Amino acid sequence: MTQITNIYADFKKIEELVARGGLWVAVKYARGGTCVSFTPKKVLEYAEFNDAIPVVLTLVKHVLKQLSDSGYLQVDSSRSVVRYRLCKDSRLWG
């Protein structure tokens, strides 16, 4: 994963962090399954971004919500923590 510098200055860098870092790694670790489930914090862990301060988590949640509103992700709010699900039929899948 390439280092993203000055992430707070540009929202596009947060989008890149989610897409290239978190979601790509989530799909990679799906291990042949049809869906992968994750939290916003897990997306940051997959992207190897260790500075998970609340503002960054909020921005990641915003990006994931936009993706779910567009139909790319599914939302699982049946647990205490909202999880997102990326399935093989999504255009975001590898």
C-alpha atoms as a PDB file:
ATOM      1  CA  MET A   1       0.000   0.000   0.000  1.00  0.00           C
ATOM      2  CA  THR A   2       1.436   3.346  -0.955  1.00  0.00           C
ATOM      3  CA  GLN A   3       1.644   5.999   1.705  1.00  0.00           C
ATOM      4  CA  ILE A   4      -1.049   8.637   1.387  1.00  0.00           C
ATOM      5  CA  THR A   5       0.310  11.954   2.598  1.00  0.00           C
ATOM      6  CA  ASN A   6      -1.749  14.888   3.826  1.00  0.00           C
ATOM      7  CA  ILE A   7      -4.937  12.822   3.854  1.00  0.00           C
ATOM      8  CA  TYR A   8      -6.904  15.478   5.709  1.00  0.00           C
ATOM      9  CA  ALA A   9      -6.449  18.086   2.983  1.00  0.00           C
ATOM     10  CA  ASP A  10      -8.255  16.240   0.208  1.00  0.00           C
ATOM     11  CA  PHE A  11     -11.429  14.135   0.454  1.00  0.00           C
ATOM     12  CA  LYS A  12     -10.409  12.322  -2.751  1.00  0.00           C
ATOM     13  CA  LYS A  13      -7.545  10.781  -0.788  1.00  0.00           C
ATOM     14  CA  ILE A  14     -10.038   9.285   1.680  1.00  0.00           C
ATOM     15  CA  GLU A  15     -11.979   7.845  -1.259  1.00  0.00           C
ATOM     16  CA  GLU A  16      -8.742   6.395  -2.630  1.00  0.00           C
ATOM     17  CA  LEU A  17      -7.901   4.939   0.774  1.00  0.00           C
ATOM     18  CA  VAL A  18     -11.279   3.186   0.904  1.00  0.00           C
ATOM     19  CA  ALA A  19     -11.252   1.962  -2.688  1.00  0.00           C
ATOM     20  CA  ARG A  20      -7.659   0.946  -3.323  1.00  0.00           C
ATOM     21  CA  GLY A  21      -6.727   0.031   0.194  1.00  0.00           C
ATOM     22  CA  GLY A  22      -9.674  -1.241   2.141  1.00  0.00           C
ATOM     23  CA  LEU A  23     -12.081  -2.676  -0.407  1.00  0.00           C
ATOM     24  CA  TRP A  24      -9.393  -4.187  -2.608  1.00  0.00           C
ATOM     25  CA  VAL A  25      -7.841  -6.016   0.341  1.00  0.00           C
ATOM     26  CA  ALA A  26     -11.282  -7.079   1.620  1.00  0.00           C
ATOM     27  CA  VAL A  27     -12.019  -8.747  -1.723  1.00  0.00           C
ATOM     28  CA  LYS A  28      -8.545 -10.286  -1.773  1.00  0.00           C
ATOM     29  CA  TYR A  29      -9.181 -11.918   1.600  1.00  0.00           C
ATOM     30  CA  ALA A  30     -12.626 -13.202   0.600  1.00  0.00           C
ATOM     31  CA  ARG A  31     -10.902 -16.531  -0.186  1.00  0.00           C
ATOM     32  CA  GLY A  32     -13.189 -17.622  -2.961  1.00  0.00           C
ATOM     33  CA  GLY A  33     -16.415 -16.710  -1.192  1.00  0.00           C
ATOM     34  CA  THR A  34     -19.236 -14.732  -2.706  1.00  0.00           C
ATOM     35  CA  CYS A  35     -19.413 -11.884  -0.164  1.00  0.00           C
ATOM     36  CA  VAL A  36     -17.191 -10.131   2.325  1.00  0.00           C
ATOM     37  CA  SER A  37     -18.430  -8.171   5.338  1.00  0.00           C
ATOM     38  CA  PHE A  38     -16.542  -5.356   7.077  1.00  0.00           C
ATOM     39  CA  THR A  39     -16.816  -2.289   9.293  1.00  0.00           C
ATOM     40  CA  PRO A  40     -15.393   1.156   8.493  1.00  0.00           C
ATOM     41  CA  LYS A  41     -12.644   0.567  11.039  1.00  0.00           C
ATOM     42  CA  LYS A  42     -11.718  -2.714   9.336  1.00  0.00           C
ATOM     43  CA  VAL A  43     -11.441  -0.864   6.007  1.00  0.00           C
ATOM     44  CA  LEU A  44      -8.815   1.371   7.595  1.00  0.00           C
ATOM     45  CA  GLU A  45      -6.996  -1.671   8.980  1.00  0.00           C
ATOM     46  CA  TYR A  46      -7.021  -3.334   5.545  1.00  0.00           C
ATOM     47  CA  ALA A  47      -5.584  -0.127   4.070  1.00  0.00           C
ATOM     48  CA  GLU A  48      -2.866  -0.110   6.752  1.00  0.00           C
ATOM     49  CA  PHE A  49      -3.965   3.335   7.913  1.00  0.00           C
ATOM     50  CA  ASN A  50      -3.283   3.359  11.637  1.00  0.00           C
ATOM     51  CA  ASP A  51      -4.419   6.902  12.436  1.00  0.00           C
ATOM     52  CA  ALA A  52      -8.092   5.984  12.895  1.00  0.00           C
ATOM     53  CA  ILE A  53      -9.185   9.212  14.550  1.00  0.00           C
ATOM     54  CA  PRO A  54     -12.935   9.916  14.623  1.00  0.00           C
ATOM     55  CA  VAL A  55     -12.887  12.365  11.710  1.00  0.00           C
ATOM     56  CA  VAL A  56     -11.264   9.794   9.410  1.00  0.00           C
ATOM     57  CA  LEU A  57     -13.756   7.114  10.477  1.00  0.00           C
ATOM     58  CA  THR A  58     -16.607   9.535   9.790  1.00  0.00           C
ATOM     59  CA  LEU A  59     -15.269  10.230   6.303  1.00  0.00           C
ATOM     60  CA  VAL A  60     -14.869   6.506   5.604  1.00  0.00           C
ATOM     61  CA  LYS A  61     -18.450   5.928   6.782  1.00  0.00           C
ATOM     62  CA  HIS A  62     -19.575   8.685   4.427  1.00  0.00           C
ATOM     63  CA  VAL A  63     -17.837   7.057   1.453  1.00  0.00           C
ATOM     64  CA  LEU A  64     -19.269   3.636   2.327  1.00  0.00           C
ATOM     65  CA  LYS A  65     -22.759   5.114   2.702  1.00  0.00           C
ATOM     66  CA  GLN A  66     -22.475   6.734  -0.733  1.00  0.00           C
ATOM     67  CA  LEU A  67     -21.438   3.390  -2.204  1.00  0.00           C
ATOM     68  CA  SER A  68     -24.351   1.627  -0.522  1.00  0.00           C
ATOM     69  CA  ASP A  69     -26.808   4.319  -1.664  1.00  0.00           C
ATOM     70  CA  SER A  70     -25.557   3.756  -5.222  1.00  0.00           C
ATOM     71  CA  GLY A  71     -26.117   0.001  -4.915  1.00  0.00           C
ATOM     72  CA  TYR A  72     -22.484  -1.091  -4.847  1.00  0.00           C
ATOM     73  CA  LEU A  73     -22.558  -2.257  -1.202  1.00  0.00           C
ATOM     74  CA  GLN A  74     -25.206  -3.681   1.094  1.00  0.00           C
ATOM     75  CA  VAL A  75     -25.727  -2.445   4.658  1.00  0.00           C
ATOM     76  CA  ASP A  76     -26.135  -4.893   7.545  1.00  0.00           C
ATOM     77  CA  SER A  77     -27.508  -2.989  10.526  1.00  0.00           C
ATOM     78  CA  SER A  78     -28.771  -6.083  12.373  1.00  0.00           C
ATOM     79  CA  ARG A  79     -25.835  -5.952  14.813  1.00  0.00           C
ATOM     80  CA  SER A  80     -24.761  -3.312  17.292  1.00  0.00           C
ATOM     81  CA  VAL A  81     -22.151  -2.085  14.788  1.00  0.00           C
ATOM     82  CA  VAL A  82     -23.182  -1.324  11.219  1.00  0.00           C
ATOM     83  CA  ARG A  83     -21.361  -3.586   8.778  1.00  0.00           C
ATOM     84  CA  TYR A  84     -21.121  -3.300   5.027  1.00  0.00           C
ATOM     85  CA  ARG A  85     -21.235  -6.238   2.643  1.00  0.00           C
ATOM     86  CA  LEU A  86     -19.584  -6.406  -0.767  1.00  0.00           C
ATOM     87  CA  CYS A  87     -20.805  -9.293  -2.911  1.00  0.00           C
ATOM     88  CA  LYS A  88     -19.499 -10.850  -6.087  1.00  0.00           C
ATOM     89  CA  ASP A  89     -22.319  -9.368  -8.200  1.00  0.00           C
ATOM     90  CA  SER A  90     -21.159  -5.805  -7.408  1.00  0.00           C
ATOM     91  CA  ARG A  91     -19.078  -3.900  -9.952  1.00  0.00           C
ATOM     92  CA  LEU A  92     -16.593  -3.165  -7.147  1.00  0.00           C
ATOM     93  CA  TRP A  93     -15.689  -6.838  -6.857  1.00  0.00           C
ATOM     94  CA  GLY A  94     -12.212  -7.468  -8.293  1.00  0.00           C
END
